[in-house]
Amino acid sequence: MNAQEWRAVLGLGALYALRMIGMFMILPVFQPFAAGLPGGDRPWLVGLAMGIYGLTNALLQIPLGIASDRYGRKPVIYLGMAVFALGSVIAGAADSIGWILVGRALQGAGAVSSAVAALLADVTRESVRTTAMAILGAGMGLSFILALVTGPIVSGWIGVSGIFYLTAVLALLSLPVVFFGVPTPELPSVRAGGFRAVLTDGQLLRFDAGIFLLHGTMYALFLGAPLAIVQTLGLPAERHWQVYLPVLLLSIVPVFPLIRWAEGRGHAKAVFLAAIAVLSCALGLAALLHRSPGGLLGALLLFFVAFNYLEGALPSMISRRAPSAHKGAALGVYSSAQFLGAFAGGTVGGVALQHGGIPGVFAAAALLPLIWLGLALRVQIPQPVAPPLDAGARNG
């Protein structure tokens, strides 16, 4: 990658990290926190509060992606981050499950993922875009690991409400990073009919369905995993990092060698399908063995190896398949599916927890990758080409 591409990757990686570290911190501590609020004695409502962030995010990714095609990527990012920060403040001040719902909904309304991904695609050549997306994904993965490890610790210091306030501060700190650190491309040339093509492309829809089911699976997992760790390992929430740290660090080790091997040897589809199957197997094992310390830890390790691989591979695939003139719209649909999956996973997981307990959550989550596997059998993995860097990209 050249200097401009590195600026884009590092700047947008910092944006993602600052925006998402607080959101990820919430995952391992949200369930016990929300359950202790007035109205939190109904598990389905706790699941809704976790997942509603994904619903509002899903609803707004497409319009904001289209807006970024029309008005520019950066203005959409600034607006979205401000709304996200407002929602974080409201959630931090909440004294009932109802206000948590409002704050989480506003957090989701700051739906900038499609604009960020489109901005990265605008200022990188297709020949290096897979690498750029992988680096961005690695940064997200490190943020994910850091947040899940530190979330229980930080919540012990400042409480879950304090994490929401911290999330707002970090989101606002990302704005000068984008303004000064990321190149500003010219507005893309939008052609009529492209958005319809995005919605009717069968391969794009398979990727969209995949990210929907992947994030639905993860959100459902985090309704059951904290309870299983307490029940089986006897660890309170503030010590759950002792589980997440080794599991997540070990899980990320094989991911990049696996990506290089799969793409270099032409086995990308086989590894892709295998990773989806491993997700389901890991959750099935968790449902059966969650009362065994070794079984629970082994299932979590398997899950995160597969999850980290798929989380890195999917953005690369969608960026290569998406039409260049409507990349914001295409990535908007993809991001909408991602966050709608979070909503569905939280909601389904909450219902499963209420009616089936911990094994019910894991069993329900295990069904989602099986659905995905059926859809993915006909997926076509796009290969990168090497066009020159757009002359329209400029520093700013």
Protein backbone atom coordinates (compact mmCIF):
# COMPACT_ATOMS: atom_id res chain seq x y z
CA MET A 1 0.00 0.00 0.00
CA ASN A 2 1.12 3.55 -0.66
CA ALA A 3 1.25 6.40 1.89
CA GLN A 4 -2.30 7.61 1.17
CA GLU A 5 -3.72 4.13 1.61
CA TRP A 6 -1.88 3.68 4.90
CA ARG A 7 -3.30 7.01 6.11
CA ALA A 8 -6.79 5.82 5.29
CA VAL A 9 -6.35 2.44 6.95
CA LEU A 10 -4.80 3.82 10.13
CA GLY A 11 -7.23 6.73 10.42
CA LEU A 12 -10.35 4.66 9.83
CA GLY A 13 -8.96 1.91 12.04
CA ALA A 14 -8.65 4.47 14.84
CA LEU A 15 -12.24 5.60 14.17
CA TYR A 16 -13.54 2.05 14.44
CA ALA A 17 -11.52 1.40 17.58
CA LEU A 18 -12.65 4.58 19.34
CA ARG A 19 -16.27 4.01 18.37
CA MET A 20 -16.52 0.33 19.14
CA ILE A 21 -14.34 -0.31 22.17
CA GLY A 22 -17.02 1.07 24.48
CA MET A 23 -19.73 -0.86 22.65
CA PHE A 24 -17.76 -4.08 22.99
CA MET A 25 -17.05 -3.38 26.67
CA ILE A 26 -20.78 -3.49 27.27
CA LEU A 27 -21.27 -7.01 25.91
CA PRO A 28 -19.96 -9.12 28.81
CA VAL A 29 -21.51 -6.92 31.53
CA PHE A 30 -24.76 -5.74 29.96
CA GLN A 31 -26.99 -8.69 30.88
CA PRO A 32 -26.47 -8.55 34.68
CA PHE A 33 -26.57 -4.73 34.64
CA ALA A 34 -29.82 -4.47 32.68
CA ALA A 35 -31.43 -7.28 34.68
CA GLY A 36 -30.91 -5.22 37.85
CA LEU A 37 -32.74 -2.14 36.54
CA PRO A 38 -36.46 -1.51 37.05
CA GLY A 39 -38.20 -3.51 34.33
CA GLY A 40 -35.14 -5.72 33.81
CA ASP A 41 -36.72 -8.75 35.47
CA ARG A 42 -38.06 -9.85 32.06
CA PRO A 43 -35.27 -11.54 30.06
CA TRP A 44 -36.91 -10.83 26.70
CA LEU A 45 -36.78 -7.10 27.50
CA VAL A 46 -33.11 -7.32 28.40
CA GLY A 47 -32.50 -9.07 25.09
CA LEU A 48 -34.44 -6.34 23.29
CA ALA A 49 -32.36 -3.66 25.01
CA MET A 50 -29.18 -5.40 23.87
CA GLY A 51 -30.43 -5.91 20.32
CA ILE A 52 -32.28 -2.66 19.58
CA TYR A 53 -28.95 -1.01 18.81
CA GLY A 54 -28.74 -3.37 15.85
CA LEU A 55 -32.30 -2.61 14.72
CA THR A 56 -31.91 1.16 14.46
CA ASN A 57 -28.45 0.72 12.97
CA ALA A 58 -29.91 -1.62 10.36
CA LEU A 59 -32.71 0.78 9.47
CA LEU A 60 -30.35 3.70 8.87
CA GLN A 61 -27.33 2.09 7.22
CA ILE A 62 -28.91 2.12 3.76
CA PRO A 63 -30.14 5.76 3.77
CA LEU A 64 -26.87 6.97 5.27
CA GLY A 65 -24.89 4.87 2.79
CA ILE A 66 -26.85 6.47 -0.07
CA ALA A 67 -26.34 9.89 1.52
CA SER A 68 -22.59 9.26 1.58
CA ASP A 69 -22.71 8.51 -2.16
CA ARG A 70 -24.49 11.80 -2.73
CA TYR A 71 -23.07 14.23 -0.15
CA GLY A 72 -19.71 12.73 0.75
CA ARG A 73 -18.47 10.16 3.24
CA LYS A 74 -17.06 12.44 5.93
CA PRO A 75 -20.15 14.63 6.60
CA VAL A 76 -22.21 11.48 7.13
CA ILE A 77 -19.57 10.10 9.49
CA TYR A 78 -19.51 13.33 11.56
CA LEU A 79 -23.28 13.34 11.92
CA GLY A 80 -23.49 9.67 12.80
CA MET A 81 -20.79 9.87 15.46
CA ALA A 82 -22.53 12.83 17.13
CA VAL A 83 -25.84 10.92 17.31
CA PHE A 84 -24.02 7.85 18.63
CA ALA A 85 -22.42 9.94 21.40
CA LEU A 86 -25.82 11.39 22.37
CA GLY A 87 -27.30 7.92 22.69
CA SER A 88 -24.36 6.83 24.85
CA VAL A 89 -24.97 9.72 27.25
CA ILE A 90 -28.68 8.89 27.53
CA ALA A 91 -27.89 5.21 28.21
CA GLY A 92 -25.35 6.24 30.84
CA ALA A 93 -27.95 8.37 32.65
CA ALA A 94 -30.70 5.72 32.40
CA ASP A 95 -32.41 4.60 35.59
CA SER A 96 -34.75 2.05 34.00
CA ILE A 97 -34.76 -0.50 31.22
CA GLY A 98 -36.95 1.86 29.17
CA TRP A 99 -34.31 4.61 29.07
CA ILE A 100 -31.65 2.03 28.25
CA LEU A 101 -33.80 1.12 25.24
CA VAL A 102 -33.92 4.79 24.18
CA GLY A 103 -30.16 5.25 24.56
CA ARG A 104 -29.29 2.04 22.76
CA ALA A 105 -31.68 2.93 19.93
CA LEU A 106 -29.95 6.31 19.47
CA GLN A 107 -26.53 4.68 19.57
CA GLY A 108 -27.65 2.52 16.69
CA ALA A 109 -28.97 5.55 14.80
CA GLY A 110 -25.36 6.72 14.42
CA ALA A 111 -25.05 4.24 11.57
CA VAL A 112 -21.71 5.07 9.92
CA SER A 113 -20.32 1.63 9.08
CA SER A 114 -21.34 1.78 5.42
CA ALA A 115 -19.89 5.27 4.98
CA VAL A 116 -16.62 4.25 6.67
CA ALA A 117 -16.26 1.11 4.54
CA ALA A 118 -17.09 3.06 1.37
CA LEU A 119 -14.53 5.75 2.28
CA LEU A 120 -11.84 3.11 2.69
CA ALA A 121 -12.82 1.60 -0.66
CA ASP A 122 -12.71 5.06 -2.31
CA VAL A 123 -9.09 5.68 -1.36
CA THR A 124 -7.59 2.20 -1.82
CA ARG A 125 -6.87 0.26 -4.98
CA GLU A 126 -8.78 -2.97 -5.41
CA SER A 127 -5.50 -4.87 -5.57
CA VAL A 128 -4.71 -3.90 -1.97
CA ARG A 129 -8.25 -3.54 -0.64
CA THR A 130 -8.34 -7.05 0.80
CA THR A 131 -5.20 -6.26 2.79
CA ALA A 132 -6.65 -2.91 3.87
CA MET A 133 -9.89 -4.54 5.01
CA ALA A 134 -7.96 -7.28 6.79
CA ILE A 135 -5.88 -4.71 8.69
CA LEU A 136 -9.03 -2.82 9.59
CA GLY A 137 -10.59 -6.09 10.69
CA ALA A 138 -7.51 -6.92 12.77
CA GLY A 139 -7.80 -3.58 14.51
CA MET A 140 -11.44 -4.30 15.18
CA GLY A 141 -10.51 -7.73 16.48
CA LEU A 142 -7.91 -6.25 18.84
CA SER A 143 -10.46 -3.70 20.05
CA PHE A 144 -12.92 -6.53 20.54
CA ILE A 145 -10.42 -8.53 22.60
CA LEU A 146 -9.30 -5.50 24.62
CA ALA A 147 -12.88 -4.45 25.32
CA LEU A 148 -14.12 -7.89 26.36
CA VAL A 149 -11.13 -8.28 28.67
CA THR A 150 -11.28 -4.78 30.17
CA GLY A 151 -15.07 -4.38 30.19
CA PRO A 152 -15.63 -6.31 33.43
CA ILE A 153 -12.61 -4.56 35.01
CA VAL A 154 -13.67 -1.06 33.94
CA SER A 155 -17.25 -1.70 35.03
CA GLY A 156 -15.88 -2.54 38.46
CA TRP A 157 -14.22 0.90 38.57
CA ILE A 158 -16.81 3.21 37.00
CA GLY A 159 -19.88 1.00 36.59
CA VAL A 160 -21.71 0.14 33.40
CA SER A 161 -23.14 3.67 33.29
CA GLY A 162 -19.57 4.97 33.31
CA ILE A 163 -18.75 2.77 30.32
CA PHE A 164 -21.60 4.40 28.40
CA TYR A 165 -20.21 7.87 29.23
CA LEU A 166 -16.72 6.75 28.25
CA THR A 167 -18.13 5.50 24.94
CA ALA A 168 -19.53 8.98 24.23
CA VAL A 169 -16.17 10.63 24.90
CA LEU A 170 -14.28 8.18 22.69
CA ALA A 171 -16.79 8.67 19.87
CA LEU A 172 -16.26 12.45 19.92
CA LEU A 173 -12.48 12.00 20.00
CA SER A 174 -12.74 10.10 16.70
CA LEU A 175 -13.96 13.18 14.80
CA PRO A 176 -10.59 15.01 14.56
CA VAL A 177 -8.97 11.69 13.66
CA VAL A 178 -11.20 11.44 10.59
CA PHE A 179 -10.90 15.13 9.70
CA PHE A 180 -7.12 15.35 9.84
CA GLY A 181 -6.00 11.76 9.38
CA VAL A 182 -8.05 10.35 6.49
CA PRO A 183 -7.77 11.48 2.84
CA THR A 184 -10.89 13.06 1.37
CA PRO A 185 -11.96 11.59 -2.00
CA GLU A 186 -14.12 13.39 -4.52
CA LEU A 187 -17.84 12.63 -4.45
CA PRO A 188 -18.53 9.38 -6.32
CA SER A 189 -20.42 9.49 -9.59
CA VAL A 190 -23.87 8.03 -8.85
CA ARG A 191 -25.76 6.37 -11.68
CA ALA A 192 -29.49 5.64 -11.71
CA GLY A 193 -30.53 2.04 -11.19
CA GLY A 194 -27.44 0.97 -9.29
CA PHE A 195 -29.21 0.58 -5.97
CA ARG A 196 -31.75 -1.73 -7.56
CA ALA A 197 -28.86 -3.79 -8.88
CA VAL A 198 -27.46 -4.03 -5.34
CA LEU A 199 -30.74 -5.42 -4.05
CA THR A 200 -31.08 -7.96 -6.86
CA ASP A 201 -27.51 -9.31 -6.88
CA GLY A 202 -27.83 -12.84 -5.56
CA GLN A 203 -24.20 -13.09 -4.45
CA LEU A 204 -24.36 -9.81 -2.53
CA LEU A 205 -27.55 -11.01 -0.85
CA ARG A 206 -25.77 -14.21 0.26
CA PHE A 207 -23.03 -12.13 1.89
CA ASP A 208 -25.69 -9.91 3.47
CA ALA A 209 -27.46 -12.96 4.88
CA GLY A 210 -24.14 -14.25 6.16
CA ILE A 211 -23.29 -11.15 8.18
CA PHE A 212 -26.88 -11.07 9.49
CA LEU A 213 -26.59 -14.60 10.83
CA LEU A 214 -23.01 -14.18 12.08
CA HIS A 215 -23.84 -11.20 14.27
CA GLY A 216 -27.13 -12.72 15.35
CA THR A 217 -25.13 -15.71 16.55
CA MET A 218 -22.65 -13.55 18.48
CA TYR A 219 -25.30 -11.48 20.25
CA ALA A 220 -27.21 -14.59 21.27
CA LEU A 221 -23.97 -16.12 22.57
CA PHE A 222 -23.36 -13.17 24.89
CA LEU A 223 -26.70 -13.63 26.57
CA GLY A 224 -25.73 -17.16 27.62
CA ALA A 225 -21.95 -17.03 28.02
CA PRO A 226 -21.79 -14.63 31.02
CA LEU A 227 -24.32 -16.74 32.91
CA ALA A 228 -22.49 -19.97 32.05
CA ILE A 229 -19.17 -18.53 33.22
CA VAL A 230 -20.70 -17.57 36.57
CA GLN A 231 -22.48 -20.90 36.97
CA THR A 232 -19.72 -23.24 35.81
CA LEU A 233 -16.51 -21.43 36.66
CA GLY A 234 -17.78 -19.47 39.67
CA LEU A 235 -16.37 -16.19 38.37
CA PRO A 236 -18.23 -12.91 39.02
CA ALA A 237 -18.66 -10.51 36.09
CA GLU A 238 -15.63 -8.38 37.02
CA ARG A 239 -13.37 -11.44 36.64
CA HIS A 240 -14.73 -12.71 33.31
CA TRP A 241 -11.67 -11.22 31.62
CA GLN A 242 -9.78 -14.22 32.99
CA VAL A 243 -11.81 -16.32 30.54
CA TYR A 244 -12.03 -13.91 27.60
CA LEU A 245 -8.34 -12.95 27.50
CA PRO A 246 -6.80 -16.40 26.88
CA VAL A 247 -9.72 -17.57 24.73
CA LEU A 248 -9.67 -14.54 22.44
CA LEU A 249 -5.89 -14.32 22.18
CA LEU A 250 -5.62 -18.00 21.30
CA SER A 251 -8.49 -17.74 18.82
CA ILE A 252 -6.93 -14.93 16.79
CA VAL A 253 -3.56 -16.69 16.33
CA PRO A 254 -4.61 -19.02 13.46
CA VAL A 255 -6.86 -16.52 11.65
CA PHE A 256 -4.40 -14.62 9.43
CA PRO A 257 -2.33 -17.68 8.45
CA LEU A 258 -5.61 -19.39 7.61
CA ILE A 259 -6.75 -16.48 5.43
CA ARG A 260 -3.41 -16.41 3.57
CA TRP A 261 -3.42 -20.17 3.07
CA ALA A 262 -7.05 -20.29 1.92
CA GLU A 263 -6.68 -17.48 -0.62
CA GLY A 264 -3.17 -18.44 -1.74
CA ARG A 265 -4.07 -22.09 -2.36
CA GLY A 266 -7.51 -21.47 -3.83
CA HIS A 267 -9.37 -23.01 -0.90
CA ALA A 268 -11.24 -19.87 0.20
CA LYS A 269 -14.70 -21.34 -0.29
CA ALA A 270 -13.93 -24.62 1.47
CA VAL A 271 -12.48 -22.82 4.49
CA PHE A 272 -15.38 -20.36 4.46
CA LEU A 273 -17.93 -23.18 4.62
CA ALA A 274 -15.90 -25.06 7.24
CA ALA A 275 -15.77 -21.99 9.48
CA ILE A 276 -19.56 -21.64 9.34
CA ALA A 277 -19.94 -25.30 10.30
CA VAL A 278 -17.50 -24.86 13.19
CA LEU A 279 -19.65 -22.01 14.56
CA SER A 280 -22.64 -24.33 14.82
CA CYS A 281 -20.62 -27.20 16.28
CA ALA A 282 -19.06 -24.95 18.91
CA LEU A 283 -22.46 -23.67 20.05
CA GLY A 284 -23.89 -27.18 20.06
CA LEU A 285 -21.01 -28.26 22.30
CA ALA A 286 -21.66 -25.27 24.55
CA ALA A 287 -25.31 -26.31 24.92
CA LEU A 288 -24.30 -29.86 25.87
CA LEU A 289 -21.16 -29.18 27.91
CA HIS A 290 -21.71 -25.75 29.47
CA ARG A 291 -21.62 -27.29 32.98
CA SER A 292 -18.12 -28.65 32.32
CA PRO A 293 -15.28 -26.09 32.65
CA GLY A 294 -13.25 -27.76 29.92
CA GLY A 295 -16.26 -28.17 27.66
CA LEU A 296 -17.33 -24.54 28.06
CA LEU A 297 -13.84 -23.14 27.45
CA GLY A 298 -13.24 -25.44 24.47
CA ALA A 299 -16.56 -24.44 22.90
CA LEU A 300 -15.81 -20.73 23.35
CA LEU A 301 -12.36 -21.16 21.79
CA LEU A 302 -13.77 -22.97 18.75
CA PHE A 303 -16.49 -20.35 18.35
CA PHE A 304 -14.08 -17.41 18.34
CA VAL A 305 -11.61 -19.02 15.92
CA ALA A 306 -14.44 -19.39 13.40
CA PHE A 307 -15.99 -16.03 14.24
CA ASN A 308 -12.74 -14.08 13.83
CA TYR A 309 -12.04 -15.74 10.49
CA LEU A 310 -15.51 -14.97 9.12
CA GLU A 311 -15.55 -11.44 10.54
CA GLY A 312 -12.36 -10.70 8.61
CA ALA A 313 -13.26 -12.52 5.40
CA LEU A 314 -16.76 -11.14 4.79
CA PRO A 315 -15.90 -7.40 4.47
CA SER A 316 -13.17 -8.24 1.97
CA MET A 317 -15.59 -10.29 -0.12
CA ILE A 318 -18.35 -7.69 -0.09
CA SER A 319 -15.96 -4.85 -0.99
CA ARG A 320 -14.74 -6.74 -4.07
CA ARG A 321 -18.26 -7.64 -5.22
CA ALA A 322 -19.92 -4.25 -4.59
CA PRO A 323 -20.40 -1.98 -7.67
CA SER A 324 -18.00 0.98 -7.50
CA ALA A 325 -20.58 3.63 -8.46
CA HIS A 326 -22.90 2.56 -5.62
CA LYS A 327 -20.46 1.24 -3.08
CA GLY A 328 -22.01 3.24 -0.24
CA ALA A 329 -25.45 1.83 -1.02
CA ALA A 330 -24.15 -1.73 -1.33
CA LEU A 331 -22.22 -1.49 1.92
CA GLY A 332 -25.29 0.13 3.48
CA VAL A 333 -27.34 -2.97 2.73
CA TYR A 334 -24.53 -5.16 4.06
CA SER A 335 -24.18 -3.11 7.26
CA SER A 336 -27.95 -3.04 7.72
CA ALA A 337 -27.96 -6.81 7.59
CA GLN A 338 -25.12 -6.90 10.12
CA PHE A 339 -26.90 -4.78 12.69
CA LEU A 340 -30.30 -6.28 12.02
CA GLY A 341 -28.65 -9.57 12.86
CA ALA A 342 -27.52 -8.10 16.18
CA PHE A 343 -31.12 -7.11 16.92
CA ALA A 344 -32.45 -10.52 15.92
CA GLY A 345 -29.77 -12.35 17.88
CA GLY A 346 -30.39 -10.36 21.04
CA THR A 347 -34.15 -10.78 20.77
CA VAL A 348 -34.08 -14.49 19.91
CA GLY A 349 -31.47 -15.10 22.58
CA GLY A 350 -33.58 -13.33 25.19
CA VAL A 351 -36.63 -15.43 24.36
CA ALA A 352 -34.54 -18.62 24.35
CA LEU A 353 -33.03 -17.70 27.72
CA GLN A 354 -36.45 -17.11 29.23
CA HIS A 355 -37.86 -20.44 28.04
CA GLY A 356 -34.81 -22.72 27.82
CA GLY A 357 -32.21 -21.27 30.15
CA ILE A 358 -28.50 -21.31 29.30
CA PRO A 359 -28.58 -24.46 27.11
CA GLY A 360 -31.60 -23.04 25.28
CA VAL A 361 -29.65 -19.90 24.30
CA PHE A 362 -26.70 -21.90 22.98
CA ALA A 363 -28.97 -24.32 21.12
CA ALA A 364 -30.94 -21.50 19.49
CA ALA A 365 -27.70 -19.77 18.47
CA ALA A 366 -26.38 -23.04 16.96
CA LEU A 367 -29.29 -23.11 14.51
CA LEU A 368 -28.33 -19.80 12.89
CA PRO A 369 -25.03 -21.00 11.30
CA LEU A 370 -26.85 -24.08 9.97
CA ILE A 371 -29.22 -21.78 8.08
CA TRP A 372 -26.22 -19.81 6.82
CA LEU A 373 -24.45 -22.97 5.67
CA GLY A 374 -27.36 -23.83 3.41
CA LEU A 375 -27.29 -20.36 1.85
CA ALA A 376 -23.50 -20.34 1.48
CA LEU A 377 -23.21 -23.53 -0.55
CA ARG A 378 -23.79 -21.53 -3.74
CA VAL A 379 -21.66 -18.53 -2.81
CA GLN A 380 -18.99 -17.37 -5.25
CA ILE A 381 -15.84 -15.96 -3.65
CA PRO A 382 -14.80 -12.88 -5.72
CA GLN A 383 -11.14 -12.54 -6.66
CA PRO A 384 -9.33 -9.16 -6.56
CA VAL A 385 -8.19 -7.34 -9.66
CA ALA A 386 -5.53 -4.65 -9.83
CA PRO A 387 -6.80 -1.34 -11.28
CA PRO A 388 -4.77 1.83 -10.75
CA LEU A 389 -5.57 4.11 -7.83
CA ASP A 390 -8.37 6.59 -8.61
CA ALA A 391 -6.91 9.85 -9.76
CA GLY A 392 -9.78 11.64 -8.01
CA ALA A 393 -8.53 10.76 -4.54
CA ARG A 394 -6.73 13.65 -2.90
CA ASN A 395 -5.32 14.45 0.49
CA GLY A 396 -7.34 16.50 2.91
